[in-house]
Amino acid sequence: MGIFSKIKNGLQKTKNSITQHINSVINSFTKIDEELFEELEEILIMADIGMVTASEICDKLRAEIKEKGITDPLEIKGLMRNIISKMLGEDESLKLDTKPSIILVIGVNGVGKTTSIGKIAARLKAEGKTVVLGAADTFRAAAIDQLGIWAERAGVTMVKSVEGTDPASVVFDTIASAKARGADVIICDTAGRLHNKKNLMDELAKINRVIERELPSASRENLLVLDAATGQNAVNQAKEFKNAADITGIILTKLDGTAKGGIVIPIHNELSIPVKFVGVGEGIDDLQPFNALDFVEGIFDTGEE
């Protein structure tokens, strides 16, 4: 199955929640009026696009319809598709320009953080890069064990310590190991204790000091993992973590199992954080680089037009 097919299939539930309702509304109107805009906005809000971004999409839609003198409701879906495409902007890949580069992965328990690390490691290894994982979520023995399973599955090295070890010391050891091996990329798991933001900020600040001291010129990514199925709660998590850390990108997991994939749009539009990967299945190759065009086409199914 090709990359676009995987993303399209993974977005099927989201497409059903958005496009089918939009089609139903558009087909029930013979003219474009304020009642139509109100119904479209309600559909977008119910699809977890959120009130702020849904309102902005409809405002842009009103302006474009007025500017172009459009009167046929059947033209609306194409206009919305273009508006959302522009909102999502250009795709952003991982910036891994130095040797080594380092990726910190952050996220609350249960969102698929460890699995995402394993899948990214496997992807980078398949690209010919040498990867070292650091098990710096030391507050849960299960997290260390799970990362070890993924390291073995991906065929990469992992540095770990015992439960309760200072996470920053694990990051230090991982960097030292990567330097000794001449590795290309370091990926470190971190604890995501959002319920105690001060501890999280203190821990991340300490890890940051280690990285800045040991790898002062390295390319750096801070990736936040969010579960698409949590909808607007994922957007709220992103806001909280953005305040606690310099988030450079989002990994959105479990997109294939939810109708709430529309949260990609407010994450990008309201928080200006790019979505870099989306999870569209359980397989090791089912974490795909985010492509805005594929995303919009997967929702609106341009083949129908």
C-alpha atoms as a PDB file:
ATOM      1  CA  MET A   1       0.000   0.000   0.000  1.00  0.00           C
ATOM      2  CA  GLY A   2       1.395   3.418  -0.977  1.00  0.00           C
ATOM      3  CA  ILE A   3       1.897   6.278   1.459  1.00  0.00           C
ATOM      4  CA  PHE A   4      -1.106   8.235   0.176  1.00  0.00           C
ATOM      5  CA  SER A   5      -3.324   5.130   0.339  1.00  0.00           C
ATOM      6  CA  LYS A   6      -2.324   4.587   3.979  1.00  0.00           C
ATOM      7  CA  ILE A   7      -3.106   8.172   4.918  1.00  0.00           C
ATOM      8  CA  LYS A   8      -6.362   8.134   2.959  1.00  0.00           C
ATOM      9  CA  ASN A   9      -7.461   4.902   4.633  1.00  0.00           C
ATOM     10  CA  GLY A  10      -6.379   6.205   8.009  1.00  0.00           C
ATOM     11  CA  LEU A  11      -8.528   9.305   7.544  1.00  0.00           C
ATOM     12  CA  GLN A  12     -11.679   7.405   6.562  1.00  0.00           C
ATOM     13  CA  LYS A  13     -13.482   8.009   9.876  1.00  0.00           C
ATOM     14  CA  THR A  14     -12.521  11.697   9.885  1.00  0.00           C
ATOM     15  CA  LYS A  15     -13.659  12.025   6.274  1.00  0.00           C
ATOM     16  CA  ASN A  16     -16.996  10.444   7.133  1.00  0.00           C
ATOM     17  CA  SER A  17     -17.521  12.855  10.040  1.00  0.00           C
ATOM     18  CA  ILE A  18     -16.702  15.951   7.981  1.00  0.00           C
ATOM     19  CA  THR A  19     -17.340  15.454   4.272  1.00  0.00           C
ATOM     20  CA  GLN A  20     -20.537  13.438   4.485  1.00  0.00           C
ATOM     21  CA  HIS A  21     -22.094  16.065   6.754  1.00  0.00           C
ATOM     22  CA  ILE A  22     -20.870  18.903   4.531  1.00  0.00           C
ATOM     23  CA  ASN A  23     -22.283  17.162   1.457  1.00  0.00           C
ATOM     24  CA  SER A  24     -25.611  16.694   3.215  1.00  0.00           C
ATOM     25  CA  VAL A  25     -25.826  20.367   4.178  1.00  0.00           C
ATOM     26  CA  ILE A  26     -24.696  21.667   0.784  1.00  0.00           C
ATOM     27  CA  ASN A  27     -27.192  19.458  -1.047  1.00  0.00           C
ATOM     28  CA  SER A  28     -30.052  20.696   1.160  1.00  0.00           C
ATOM     29  CA  PHE A  29     -29.515  24.359   0.213  1.00  0.00           C
ATOM     30  CA  THR A  30     -30.331  25.982  -3.129  1.00  0.00           C
ATOM     31  CA  LYS A  31     -28.654  29.271  -2.248  1.00  0.00           C
ATOM     32  CA  ILE A  32     -25.798  30.502  -0.091  1.00  0.00           C
ATOM     33  CA  ASP A  33     -27.029  32.334   3.006  1.00  0.00           C
ATOM     34  CA  GLU A  34     -26.111  32.839   6.650  1.00  0.00           C
ATOM     35  CA  GLU A  35     -28.034  29.740   7.741  1.00  0.00           C
ATOM     36  CA  LEU A  36     -25.771  27.643   5.485  1.00  0.00           C
ATOM     37  CA  PHE A  37     -22.649  29.184   7.019  1.00  0.00           C
ATOM     38  CA  GLU A  38     -23.961  28.489  10.533  1.00  0.00           C
ATOM     39  CA  GLU A  39     -24.573  24.829   9.712  1.00  0.00           C
ATOM     40  CA  LEU A  40     -21.101  24.458   8.150  1.00  0.00           C
ATOM     41  CA  GLU A  41     -19.484  26.036  11.203  1.00  0.00           C
ATOM     42  CA  GLU A  42     -21.371  23.636  13.487  1.00  0.00           C
ATOM     43  CA  ILE A  43     -20.127  20.655  11.432  1.00  0.00           C
ATOM     44  CA  LEU A  44     -16.523  21.865  11.742  1.00  0.00           C
ATOM     45  CA  ILE A  45     -16.855  22.375  15.508  1.00  0.00           C
ATOM     46  CA  MET A  46     -18.370  18.904  15.941  1.00  0.00           C
ATOM     47  CA  ALA A  47     -15.444  17.465  13.932  1.00  0.00           C
ATOM     48  CA  ASP A  48     -13.025  18.752  16.602  1.00  0.00           C
ATOM     49  CA  ILE A  49     -11.727  21.594  14.470  1.00  0.00           C
ATOM     50  CA  GLY A  50     -12.720  23.838  17.367  1.00  0.00           C
ATOM     51  CA  MET A  51     -14.683  27.061  17.589  1.00  0.00           C
ATOM     52  CA  VAL A  52     -11.824  29.484  16.876  1.00  0.00           C
ATOM     53  CA  THR A  53     -10.546  27.747  13.726  1.00  0.00           C
ATOM     54  CA  ALA A  54     -14.047  26.785  12.521  1.00  0.00           C
ATOM     55  CA  SER A  55     -15.094  30.429  12.753  1.00  0.00           C
ATOM     56  CA  GLU A  56     -11.958  31.516  10.886  1.00  0.00           C
ATOM     57  CA  ILE A  57     -12.587  28.994   8.084  1.00  0.00           C
ATOM     58  CA  CYS A  58     -16.163  30.230   7.678  1.00  0.00           C
ATOM     59  CA  ASP A  59     -15.069  33.896   7.720  1.00  0.00           C
ATOM     60  CA  LYS A  60     -12.567  33.174   4.940  1.00  0.00           C
ATOM     61  CA  LEU A  61     -15.273  31.255   3.076  1.00  0.00           C
ATOM     62  CA  ARG A  62     -17.697  34.190   3.321  1.00  0.00           C
ATOM     63  CA  ALA A  63     -15.041  36.608   2.043  1.00  0.00           C
ATOM     64  CA  GLU A  64     -14.058  34.393  -0.884  1.00  0.00           C
ATOM     65  CA  ILE A  65     -17.654  33.750  -1.916  1.00  0.00           C
ATOM     66  CA  LYS A  66     -18.392  37.477  -1.822  1.00  0.00           C
ATOM     67  CA  GLU A  67     -15.204  38.350  -3.722  1.00  0.00           C
ATOM     68  CA  LYS A  68     -15.847  35.796  -6.481  1.00  0.00           C
ATOM     69  CA  GLY A  69     -19.591  36.304  -6.619  1.00  0.00           C
ATOM     70  CA  ILE A  70     -20.299  32.605  -6.080  1.00  0.00           C
ATOM     71  CA  THR A  71     -23.964  31.645  -5.726  1.00  0.00           C
ATOM     72  CA  ASP A  72     -23.931  27.843  -6.110  1.00  0.00           C
ATOM     73  CA  PRO A  73     -23.615  25.934  -2.795  1.00  0.00           C
ATOM     74  CA  LEU A  74     -22.027  23.022  -4.678  1.00  0.00           C
ATOM     75  CA  GLU A  75     -18.837  25.094  -5.075  1.00  0.00           C
ATOM     76  CA  ILE A  76     -18.372  25.422  -1.319  1.00  0.00           C
ATOM     77  CA  LYS A  77     -16.549  22.131  -0.666  1.00  0.00           C
ATOM     78  CA  GLY A  78     -13.788  22.986  -3.129  1.00  0.00           C
ATOM     79  CA  LEU A  79     -13.389  26.428  -1.555  1.00  0.00           C
ATOM     80  CA  MET A  80     -13.169  24.934   1.954  1.00  0.00           C
ATOM     81  CA  ARG A  81     -10.570  22.441   0.790  1.00  0.00           C
ATOM     82  CA  ASN A  82      -8.400  25.272  -0.556  1.00  0.00           C
ATOM     83  CA  ILE A  83      -8.836  27.387   2.592  1.00  0.00           C
ATOM     84  CA  ILE A  84      -7.784  24.494   4.857  1.00  0.00           C
ATOM     85  CA  SER A  85      -4.823  23.660   2.587  1.00  0.00           C
ATOM     86  CA  LYS A  86      -3.560  27.241   2.913  1.00  0.00           C
ATOM     87  CA  MET A  87      -4.109  27.126   6.682  1.00  0.00           C
ATOM     88  CA  LEU A  88      -1.915  24.034   7.010  1.00  0.00           C
ATOM     89  CA  GLY A  89       0.850  25.674   4.963  1.00  0.00           C
ATOM     90  CA  GLU A  90       4.067  23.983   3.912  1.00  0.00           C
ATOM     91  CA  ASP A  91       5.056  20.585   5.285  1.00  0.00           C
ATOM     92  CA  GLU A  92       8.014  20.494   7.675  1.00  0.00           C
ATOM     93  CA  SER A  93      10.293  17.465   7.883  1.00  0.00           C
ATOM     94  CA  LEU A  94      12.636  16.644  10.752  1.00  0.00           C
ATOM     95  CA  LYS A  95      15.675  18.923  10.866  1.00  0.00           C
ATOM     96  CA  LEU A  96      18.574  16.535  11.422  1.00  0.00           C
ATOM     97  CA  ASP A  97      21.469  18.416   9.853  1.00  0.00           C
ATOM     98  CA  THR A  98      24.274  17.640  12.328  1.00  0.00           C
ATOM     99  CA  LYS A  99      26.013  14.452  13.426  1.00  0.00           C
ATOM    100  CA  PRO A 100      24.705  13.680  15.895  1.00  0.00           C
ATOM    101  CA  SER A 101      21.297  15.357  15.876  1.00  0.00           C
ATOM    102  CA  ILE A 102      18.995  14.901  18.853  1.00  0.00           C
ATOM    103  CA  ILE A 103      15.257  14.354  19.209  1.00  0.00           C
ATOM    104  CA  LEU A 104      13.457  14.674  22.567  1.00  0.00           C
ATOM    105  CA  VAL A 105      10.043  12.999  22.599  1.00  0.00           C
ATOM    106  CA  ILE A 106       7.471  14.270  25.083  1.00  0.00           C
ATOM    107  CA  GLY A 107       3.903  13.212  25.852  1.00  0.00           C
ATOM    108  CA  VAL A 108       1.581  11.949  28.576  1.00  0.00           C
ATOM    109  CA  ASN A 109       1.258   8.239  29.280  1.00  0.00           C
ATOM    110  CA  GLY A 110      -0.895   6.249  26.866  1.00  0.00           C
ATOM    111  CA  VAL A 111      -0.598   8.447  23.774  1.00  0.00           C
ATOM    112  CA  GLY A 112       1.791   6.121  21.934  1.00  0.00           C
ATOM    113  CA  LYS A 113       5.035   7.905  22.786  1.00  0.00           C
ATOM    114  CA  THR A 114       7.295   4.855  23.077  1.00  0.00           C
ATOM    115  CA  THR A 115       5.773   3.230  19.997  1.00  0.00           C
ATOM    116  CA  SER A 116       6.334   6.425  18.008  1.00  0.00           C
ATOM    117  CA  ILE A 117       9.991   6.524  19.055  1.00  0.00           C
ATOM    118  CA  GLY A 118      10.461   2.938  17.880  1.00  0.00           C
ATOM    119  CA  LYS A 119       8.822   3.658  14.529  1.00  0.00           C
ATOM    120  CA  ILE A 120      10.881   6.825  13.937  1.00  0.00           C
ATOM    121  CA  ALA A 121      14.042   4.896  14.837  1.00  0.00           C
ATOM    122  CA  ALA A 122      13.134   2.174  12.335  1.00  0.00           C
ATOM    123  CA  ARG A 123      12.430   4.791   9.645  1.00  0.00           C
ATOM    124  CA  LEU A 124      15.751   6.575  10.223  1.00  0.00           C
ATOM    125  CA  LYS A 125      17.659   3.298  10.240  1.00  0.00           C
ATOM    126  CA  ALA A 126      16.011   2.340   6.937  1.00  0.00           C
ATOM    127  CA  GLU A 127      17.339   5.655   5.571  1.00  0.00           C
ATOM    128  CA  GLY A 128      20.859   4.517   6.490  1.00  0.00           C
ATOM    129  CA  LYS A 129      21.245   6.482   9.722  1.00  0.00           C
ATOM    130  CA  THR A 130      22.773   5.134  12.930  1.00  0.00           C
ATOM    131  CA  VAL A 131      20.357   5.690  15.818  1.00  0.00           C
ATOM    132  CA  VAL A 132      20.816   5.526  19.593  1.00  0.00           C
ATOM    133  CA  LEU A 133      17.785   5.580  21.899  1.00  0.00           C
ATOM    134  CA  GLY A 134      17.844   6.946  25.455  1.00  0.00           C
ATOM    135  CA  ALA A 135      15.301   5.596  27.962  1.00  0.00           C
ATOM    136  CA  ALA A 136      14.985   8.814  29.984  1.00  0.00           C
ATOM    137  CA  ASP A 137      11.397   8.184  31.104  1.00  0.00           C
ATOM    138  CA  THR A 138      12.805   6.653  34.282  1.00  0.00           C
ATOM    139  CA  PHE A 139       9.669   7.068  36.369  1.00  0.00           C
ATOM    140  CA  ARG A 140       8.091   3.929  34.903  1.00  0.00           C
ATOM    141  CA  ALA A 141       9.971   0.647  34.605  1.00  0.00           C
ATOM    142  CA  ALA A 142       7.402  -0.395  31.992  1.00  0.00           C
ATOM    143  CA  ALA A 143       8.439   2.546  29.777  1.00  0.00           C
ATOM    144  CA  ILE A 144      12.076   1.423  29.878  1.00  0.00           C
ATOM    145  CA  ASP A 145      11.117  -2.179  29.079  1.00  0.00           C
ATOM    146  CA  GLN A 146       8.791  -1.163  26.258  1.00  0.00           C
ATOM    147  CA  LEU A 147      11.432   1.060  24.663  1.00  0.00           C
ATOM    148  CA  GLY A 148      13.862  -1.856  24.853  1.00  0.00           C
ATOM    149  CA  ILE A 149      11.416  -4.023  22.886  1.00  0.00           C
ATOM    150  CA  TRP A 150      11.111  -1.337  20.213  1.00  0.00           C
ATOM    151  CA  ALA A 151      14.889  -0.809  20.078  1.00  0.00           C
ATOM    152  CA  GLU A 152      15.298  -4.532  19.402  1.00  0.00           C
ATOM    153  CA  ARG A 153      12.508  -4.501  16.807  1.00  0.00           C
ATOM    154  CA  ALA A 154      14.025  -1.498  15.014  1.00  0.00           C
ATOM    155  CA  GLY A 155      17.545  -2.907  15.302  1.00  0.00           C
ATOM    156  CA  VAL A 156      19.039   0.092  17.120  1.00  0.00           C
ATOM    157  CA  THR A 157      21.073   0.618  20.308  1.00  0.00           C
ATOM    158  CA  MET A 158      19.408   1.731  23.557  1.00  0.00           C
ATOM    159  CA  VAL A 159      20.974   3.322  26.639  1.00  0.00           C
ATOM    160  CA  LYS A 160      19.086   2.814  29.901  1.00  0.00           C
ATOM    161  CA  SER A 161      19.402   2.853  33.667  1.00  0.00           C
ATOM    162  CA  VAL A 162      17.234   1.606  36.510  1.00  0.00           C
ATOM    163  CA  GLU A 163      13.836   3.029  37.435  1.00  0.00           C
ATOM    164  CA  GLY A 164      14.124   6.261  39.424  1.00  0.00           C
ATOM    165  CA  THR A 165      17.439   7.363  37.915  1.00  0.00           C
ATOM    166  CA  ASP A 166      17.794  11.080  37.159  1.00  0.00           C
ATOM    167  CA  PRO A 167      16.520  11.428  33.546  1.00  0.00           C
ATOM    168  CA  ALA A 168      19.182  14.033  32.726  1.00  0.00           C
ATOM    169  CA  SER A 169      21.917  11.533  33.628  1.00  0.00           C
ATOM    170  CA  VAL A 170      20.413   9.025  31.162  1.00  0.00           C
ATOM    171  CA  VAL A 171      20.436  11.722  28.471  1.00  0.00           C
ATOM    172  CA  PHE A 172      24.093  12.437  29.319  1.00  0.00           C
ATOM    173  CA  ASP A 173      24.987   8.735  29.029  1.00  0.00           C
ATOM    174  CA  THR A 174      23.045   8.435  25.755  1.00  0.00           C
ATOM    175  CA  ILE A 175      24.904  11.391  24.235  1.00  0.00           C
ATOM    176  CA  ALA A 176      28.246   9.921  25.359  1.00  0.00           C
ATOM    177  CA  SER A 177      27.347   6.558  23.804  1.00  0.00           C
ATOM    178  CA  ALA A 178      26.218   8.180  20.562  1.00  0.00           C
ATOM    179  CA  LYS A 179      29.444  10.188  20.315  1.00  0.00           C
ATOM    180  CA  ALA A 180      31.530   7.077  20.912  1.00  0.00           C
ATOM    181  CA  ARG A 181      29.649   5.183  18.221  1.00  0.00           C
ATOM    182  CA  GLY A 182      29.664   8.052  15.733  1.00  0.00           C
ATOM    183  CA  ALA A 183      25.856   7.877  15.631  1.00  0.00           C
ATOM    184  CA  ASP A 184      23.765  10.108  13.391  1.00  0.00           C
ATOM    185  CA  VAL A 185      20.676  10.582  15.552  1.00  0.00           C
ATOM    186  CA  ILE A 186      19.876  10.394  19.275  1.00  0.00           C
ATOM    187  CA  ILE A 187      16.237   9.906  20.300  1.00  0.00           C
ATOM    188  CA  CYS A 188      15.403  10.328  23.992  1.00  0.00           C
ATOM    189  CA  ASP A 189      12.155   9.326  25.654  1.00  0.00           C
ATOM    190  CA  THR A 190      11.072  11.679  28.453  1.00  0.00           C
ATOM    191  CA  ALA A 191       8.392  11.586  31.125  1.00  0.00           C
ATOM    192  CA  GLY A 192       5.284  13.618  30.404  1.00  0.00           C
ATOM    193  CA  ARG A 193       3.887  14.382  33.829  1.00  0.00           C
ATOM    194  CA  LEU A 194       1.599  17.195  32.739  1.00  0.00           C
ATOM    195  CA  HIS A 195      -0.368  17.024  36.001  1.00  0.00           C
ATOM    196  CA  ASN A 196       2.702  18.431  37.752  1.00  0.00           C
ATOM    197  CA  LYS A 197       3.936  21.035  35.325  1.00  0.00           C
ATOM    198  CA  LYS A 198       6.634  22.423  37.626  1.00  0.00           C
ATOM    199  CA  ASN A 199       8.336  19.008  37.864  1.00  0.00           C
ATOM    200  CA  LEU A 200       8.058  18.620  34.097  1.00  0.00           C
ATOM    201  CA  MET A 201       9.571  22.051  33.459  1.00  0.00           C
ATOM    202  CA  ASP A 202      12.361  21.455  35.981  1.00  0.00           C
ATOM    203  CA  GLU A 203      13.183  18.077  34.437  1.00  0.00           C
ATOM    204  CA  LEU A 204      13.166  19.425  30.875  1.00  0.00           C
ATOM    205  CA  ALA A 205      15.293  22.415  31.928  1.00  0.00           C
ATOM    206  CA  LYS A 206      17.881  20.052  33.432  1.00  0.00           C
ATOM    207  CA  ILE A 207      17.868  17.871  30.283  1.00  0.00           C
ATOM    208  CA  ASN A 208      18.236  21.012  28.158  1.00  0.00           C
ATOM    209  CA  ARG A 209      21.300  22.085  30.148  1.00  0.00           C
ATOM    210  CA  VAL A 210      22.926  18.693  29.528  1.00  0.00           C
ATOM    211  CA  ILE A 211      22.208  18.864  25.786  1.00  0.00           C
ATOM    212  CA  GLU A 212      23.420  22.460  25.470  1.00  0.00           C
ATOM    213  CA  ARG A 213      26.630  21.578  27.284  1.00  0.00           C
ATOM    214  CA  GLU A 214      27.335  18.285  25.486  1.00  0.00           C
ATOM    215  CA  LEU A 215      25.910  19.088  22.028  1.00  0.00           C
ATOM    216  CA  PRO A 216      25.890  22.890  21.782  1.00  0.00           C
ATOM    217  CA  SER A 217      25.615  23.046  17.984  1.00  0.00           C
ATOM    218  CA  ALA A 218      23.455  19.979  17.334  1.00  0.00           C
ATOM    219  CA  SER A 219      20.219  20.024  15.348  1.00  0.00           C
ATOM    220  CA  ARG A 220      17.403  19.593  17.832  1.00  0.00           C
ATOM    221  CA  GLU A 221      13.778  18.511  17.676  1.00  0.00           C
ATOM    222  CA  ASN A 222      11.333  18.517  20.604  1.00  0.00           C
ATOM    223  CA  LEU A 223       8.417  16.368  19.431  1.00  0.00           C
ATOM    224  CA  LEU A 224       5.130  16.199  21.334  1.00  0.00           C
ATOM    225  CA  VAL A 225       3.072  13.030  20.917  1.00  0.00           C
ATOM    226  CA  LEU A 226      -0.712  13.487  20.976  1.00  0.00           C
ATOM    227  CA  ASP A 227      -3.521  10.933  20.682  1.00  0.00           C
ATOM    228  CA  ALA A 228      -5.882  12.044  17.891  1.00  0.00           C
ATOM    229  CA  ALA A 229      -8.777  10.221  19.552  1.00  0.00           C
ATOM    230  CA  THR A 230      -8.778  12.706  22.454  1.00  0.00           C
ATOM    231  CA  GLY A 231      -9.890  15.518  20.129  1.00  0.00           C
ATOM    232  CA  GLN A 232      -9.899  18.979  21.669  1.00  0.00           C
ATOM    233  CA  ASN A 233      -8.159  17.611  24.771  1.00  0.00           C
ATOM    234  CA  ALA A 234      -5.122  16.996  22.549  1.00  0.00           C
ATOM    235  CA  VAL A 235      -5.177  20.659  21.525  1.00  0.00           C
ATOM    236  CA  ASN A 236      -5.298  21.647  25.198  1.00  0.00           C
ATOM    237  CA  GLN A 237      -2.356  19.324  25.943  1.00  0.00           C
ATOM    238  CA  ALA A 238      -0.405  20.942  23.115  1.00  0.00           C
ATOM    239  CA  LYS A 239      -1.058  24.386  24.627  1.00  0.00           C
ATOM    240  CA  GLU A 240       0.159  23.239  28.044  1.00  0.00           C
ATOM    241  CA  PHE A 241       3.282  21.549  26.726  1.00  0.00           C
ATOM    242  CA  LYS A 242       4.049  24.509  24.479  1.00  0.00           C
ATOM    243  CA  ASN A 243       4.167  26.628  27.627  1.00  0.00           C
ATOM    244  CA  ALA A 244       6.489  24.128  29.327  1.00  0.00           C
ATOM    245  CA  ALA A 245       8.825  23.308  26.446  1.00  0.00           C
ATOM    246  CA  ASP A 246       9.948  24.593  23.068  1.00  0.00           C
ATOM    247  CA  ILE A 247       7.884  22.175  20.970  1.00  0.00           C
ATOM    248  CA  THR A 248       9.137  21.989  17.363  1.00  0.00           C
ATOM    249  CA  GLY A 249       6.637  19.473  16.039  1.00  0.00           C
ATOM    250  CA  ILE A 250       3.705  17.155  16.738  1.00  0.00           C
ATOM    251  CA  ILE A 251       3.356  13.399  16.303  1.00  0.00           C
ATOM    252  CA  LEU A 252      -0.371  12.665  16.029  1.00  0.00           C
ATOM    253  CA  THR A 253      -1.083   9.005  16.769  1.00  0.00           C
ATOM    254  CA  LYS A 254      -4.119   6.734  16.266  1.00  0.00           C
ATOM    255  CA  LEU A 255      -5.493   8.804  13.391  1.00  0.00           C
ATOM    256  CA  ASP A 256      -6.905   5.656  11.792  1.00  0.00           C
ATOM    257  CA  GLY A 257      -9.061   4.821  14.809  1.00  0.00           C
ATOM    258  CA  THR A 258     -10.867   8.131  15.256  1.00  0.00           C
ATOM    259  CA  ALA A 259     -13.175  10.598  13.528  1.00  0.00           C
ATOM    260  CA  LYS A 260     -11.342  13.460  15.279  1.00  0.00           C
ATOM    261  CA  GLY A 261      -8.456  13.897  12.829  1.00  0.00           C
ATOM    262  CA  GLY A 262      -9.664  17.440  12.229  1.00  0.00           C
ATOM    263  CA  ILE A 263      -7.612  18.515  15.265  1.00  0.00           C
ATOM    264  CA  VAL A 264      -4.609  18.716  12.923  1.00  0.00           C
ATOM    265  CA  ILE A 265      -6.057  22.007  11.669  1.00  0.00           C
ATOM    266  CA  PRO A 266      -6.362  23.976  14.977  1.00  0.00           C
ATOM    267  CA  ILE A 267      -3.017  22.605  16.210  1.00  0.00           C
ATOM    268  CA  HIS A 268      -1.335  24.179  13.193  1.00  0.00           C
ATOM    269  CA  ASN A 269      -3.568  27.231  12.893  1.00  0.00           C
ATOM    270  CA  GLU A 270      -3.885  28.297  16.537  1.00  0.00           C
ATOM    271  CA  LEU A 271      -0.577  27.089  17.976  1.00  0.00           C
ATOM    272  CA  SER A 272       1.694  27.416  14.908  1.00  0.00           C
ATOM    273  CA  ILE A 273       3.173  23.989  15.649  1.00  0.00           C
ATOM    274  CA  PRO A 274       3.694  21.783  12.582  1.00  0.00           C
ATOM    275  CA  VAL A 275       2.427  18.209  12.583  1.00  0.00           C
ATOM    276  CA  LYS A 276       5.456  16.167  11.480  1.00  0.00           C
ATOM    277  CA  PHE A 277       4.145  12.588  11.713  1.00  0.00           C
ATOM    278  CA  VAL A 278       0.753  10.875  11.787  1.00  0.00           C
ATOM    279  CA  GLY A 279       0.023   7.342  12.966  1.00  0.00           C
ATOM    280  CA  VAL A 280      -2.257   5.476  10.557  1.00  0.00           C
ATOM    281  CA  GLY A 281      -1.921   1.878  11.773  1.00  0.00           C
ATOM    282  CA  GLU A 282      -0.190  -0.585  14.056  1.00  0.00           C
ATOM    283  CA  GLY A 283       2.678  -1.609  11.736  1.00  0.00           C
ATOM    284  CA  ILE A 284       6.243  -0.412  12.168  1.00  0.00           C
ATOM    285  CA  ASP A 285       5.950   1.576   8.906  1.00  0.00           C
ATOM    286  CA  ASP A 286       2.553   3.079   9.739  1.00  0.00           C
ATOM    287  CA  LEU A 287       3.939   6.288  11.242  1.00  0.00           C
ATOM    288  CA  GLN A 288       3.991   8.504   8.167  1.00  0.00           C
ATOM    289  CA  PRO A 289       5.469  11.977   7.586  1.00  0.00           C
ATOM    290  CA  PHE A 290       2.584  14.439   7.572  1.00  0.00           C
ATOM    291  CA  ASN A 291       1.646  15.748   4.149  1.00  0.00           C
ATOM    292  CA  ALA A 292      -0.901  18.577   4.126  1.00  0.00           C
ATOM    293  CA  LEU A 293      -2.051  17.883   0.566  1.00  0.00           C
ATOM    294  CA  ASP A 294      -2.601  14.179   1.288  1.00  0.00           C
ATOM    295  CA  PHE A 295      -4.414  15.101   4.502  1.00  0.00           C
ATOM    296  CA  VAL A 296      -6.829  17.492   2.808  1.00  0.00           C
ATOM    297  CA  GLU A 297      -7.405  15.134  -0.111  1.00  0.00           C
ATOM    298  CA  GLY A 298      -7.965  12.280   2.335  1.00  0.00           C
ATOM    299  CA  ILE A 299     -10.698  14.266   4.092  1.00  0.00           C
ATOM    300  CA  PHE A 300     -12.383  15.786   1.063  1.00  0.00           C
ATOM    301  CA  ASP A 301     -11.658  12.918  -1.344  1.00  0.00           C
ATOM    302  CA  THR A 302     -10.910  14.995  -4.414  1.00  0.00           C
ATOM    303  CA  GLY A 303     -11.570  11.967  -6.578  1.00  0.00           C
ATOM    304  CA  GLU A 304     -15.278  12.502  -6.029  1.00  0.00           C
ATOM    305  CA  GLU A 305     -15.227  15.979  -7.481  1.00  0.00           C
END
